[in-house]
Amino acid sequence: MRQPIELPPLSLLPPSPLRALVETLHGLYQQADKPPLRAIDEWIVAHPEHDGAISRESIRRLLVGINVPRRWESARSVFLALCALAGANPDEHARTFRRQWQEVVADPMAARRPYSTP
């Protein structure tokens, strides 16, 4: 049985712009009943108009705050997929998500954290 992706503890991902971005995505992920990466990927593939190709591994790495896509379209596709799967209106969260993404990618060190396990 697959394990859902959990929000990293504060010890691994302390308060920061990266954590805020990951928390926003996790709110949607939880609203969508923690779908498998396959479901997120399938939604993205079914909506090529967003030009947001991203691998399942990159989706996972984004959800655990290991790194953030440098391409807005890729990050936006994950966001839109989670909104759709959660039945959430993306317009309600889009401005916040875009601002958070911009804050993270503006600082190359903030867009990545070293991978470690609890």
Protein backbone atom coordinates (compact mmCIF):
# COMPACT_ATOMS: atom_id res chain seq x y z
CA MET A 1 0.00 0.00 0.00
CA ARG A 2 1.31 3.43 -0.90
CA GLN A 3 2.25 5.86 1.80
CA PRO A 4 0.78 9.36 1.50
CA ILE A 5 3.28 12.20 1.38
CA GLU A 6 3.50 13.87 4.76
CA LEU A 7 4.31 17.48 5.48
CA PRO A 8 7.91 17.53 6.70
CA PRO A 9 8.32 18.29 10.41
CA LEU A 10 9.59 21.72 11.42
CA SER A 11 12.95 20.15 12.28
CA LEU A 12 13.46 19.24 8.61
CA LEU A 13 11.71 22.21 7.01
CA PRO A 14 11.74 25.17 9.40
CA PRO A 15 9.60 28.27 8.91
CA SER A 16 10.66 29.91 5.65
CA PRO A 17 9.22 30.90 2.28
CA LEU A 18 9.82 27.30 1.15
CA ARG A 19 7.82 25.92 4.08
CA ALA A 20 4.97 28.36 3.38
CA LEU A 21 4.83 27.15 -0.25
CA VAL A 22 4.89 23.49 0.80
CA GLU A 23 2.17 24.13 3.41
CA THR A 24 -0.06 25.73 0.76
CA LEU A 25 0.35 22.68 -1.48
CA HIS A 26 -0.18 20.30 1.43
CA GLY A 27 -3.44 22.00 2.34
CA LEU A 28 -4.72 21.20 -1.15
CA TYR A 29 -3.14 17.73 -1.10
CA GLN A 30 -4.98 16.92 2.13
CA GLN A 31 -8.26 18.38 0.80
CA ALA A 32 -7.86 16.01 -2.17
CA ASP A 33 -7.53 13.05 0.26
CA LYS A 34 -3.78 12.69 -0.32
CA PRO A 35 -3.93 11.36 -3.89
CA PRO A 36 -1.14 9.18 -5.25
CA LEU A 37 1.50 10.88 -7.37
CA ARG A 38 0.09 8.95 -10.32
CA ALA A 39 -3.23 10.81 -10.02
CA ILE A 40 -1.51 14.20 -9.90
CA ASP A 41 0.66 13.23 -12.88
CA GLU A 42 -2.33 11.95 -14.85
CA TRP A 43 -4.20 15.22 -14.33
CA ILE A 44 -1.18 17.19 -15.57
CA VAL A 45 -0.76 14.95 -18.63
CA ALA A 46 -4.49 15.30 -19.40
CA HIS A 47 -4.13 19.11 -19.38
CA PRO A 48 -1.21 19.87 -21.72
CA GLU A 49 -2.58 23.38 -22.30
CA HIS A 50 -0.81 24.41 -19.08
CA ASP A 51 2.61 23.49 -20.54
CA GLY A 52 3.70 22.21 -17.16
CA ALA A 53 5.48 18.94 -17.79
CA ILE A 54 6.97 17.64 -14.55
CA SER A 55 8.04 14.17 -13.45
CA ARG A 56 6.41 12.28 -10.61
CA GLU A 57 9.68 12.45 -8.71
CA SER A 58 9.75 16.24 -9.10
CA ILE A 59 6.17 16.41 -7.83
CA ARG A 60 7.19 14.35 -4.79
CA ARG A 61 10.26 16.52 -4.19
CA LEU A 62 8.08 19.63 -4.33
CA LEU A 63 5.55 18.21 -1.85
CA VAL A 64 8.28 17.40 0.66
CA GLY A 65 10.14 20.66 0.12
CA ILE A 66 13.32 19.18 -1.30
CA ASN A 67 13.26 21.48 -4.29
CA VAL A 68 10.97 23.74 -6.27
CA PRO A 69 10.65 23.84 -10.06
CA ARG A 70 12.32 26.89 -11.58
CA ARG A 71 9.68 26.94 -14.34
CA TRP A 72 6.46 28.60 -13.23
CA GLU A 73 4.44 26.37 -15.58
CA SER A 74 5.65 23.22 -13.83
CA ALA A 75 4.89 24.52 -10.34
CA ARG A 76 1.55 25.89 -11.53
CA SER A 77 0.57 22.52 -13.04
CA VAL A 78 1.06 20.77 -9.70
CA PHE A 79 -0.95 23.52 -8.01
CA LEU A 80 -3.77 23.29 -10.58
CA ALA A 81 -3.83 19.48 -10.39
CA LEU A 82 -4.15 19.58 -6.61
CA CYS A 83 -6.89 22.23 -6.83
CA ALA A 84 -8.80 20.09 -9.33
CA LEU A 85 -8.39 16.90 -7.29
CA ALA A 86 -9.46 18.76 -4.13
CA GLY A 87 -12.44 20.40 -5.81
CA ALA A 88 -10.96 23.79 -4.89
CA ASN A 89 -11.23 26.97 -6.92
CA PRO A 90 -7.65 27.78 -8.00
CA ASP A 91 -8.50 31.49 -8.18
CA GLU A 92 -8.88 31.53 -4.39
CA HIS A 93 -5.28 30.41 -3.85
CA ALA A 94 -3.49 31.43 -7.06
CA ARG A 95 -2.19 34.82 -5.94
CA THR A 96 -0.79 33.42 -2.69
CA PHE A 97 0.78 30.42 -4.40
CA ARG A 98 2.37 32.55 -7.15
CA ARG A 99 3.81 35.00 -4.58
CA GLN A 100 5.19 32.12 -2.49
CA TRP A 101 6.74 30.48 -5.55
CA GLN A 102 8.33 33.78 -6.62
CA GLU A 103 9.82 34.30 -3.14
CA VAL A 104 11.36 30.85 -3.18
CA VAL A 105 12.81 30.94 -6.69
CA ALA A 106 14.17 34.46 -6.17
CA ASP A 107 16.60 32.93 -3.67
CA PRO A 108 18.38 29.90 -5.18
CA MET A 109 19.30 28.59 -1.72
CA ALA A 110 15.67 28.77 -0.59
CA ALA A 111 14.49 26.68 -3.54
CA ARG A 112 16.39 23.65 -2.23
CA ARG A 113 16.98 22.02 1.08
CA PRO A 114 19.32 19.15 1.74
CA TYR A 115 17.53 15.83 1.70
CA SER A 116 17.43 14.18 5.06
CA THR A 117 15.10 11.80 6.82
CA PRO A 118 13.53 12.24 10.23
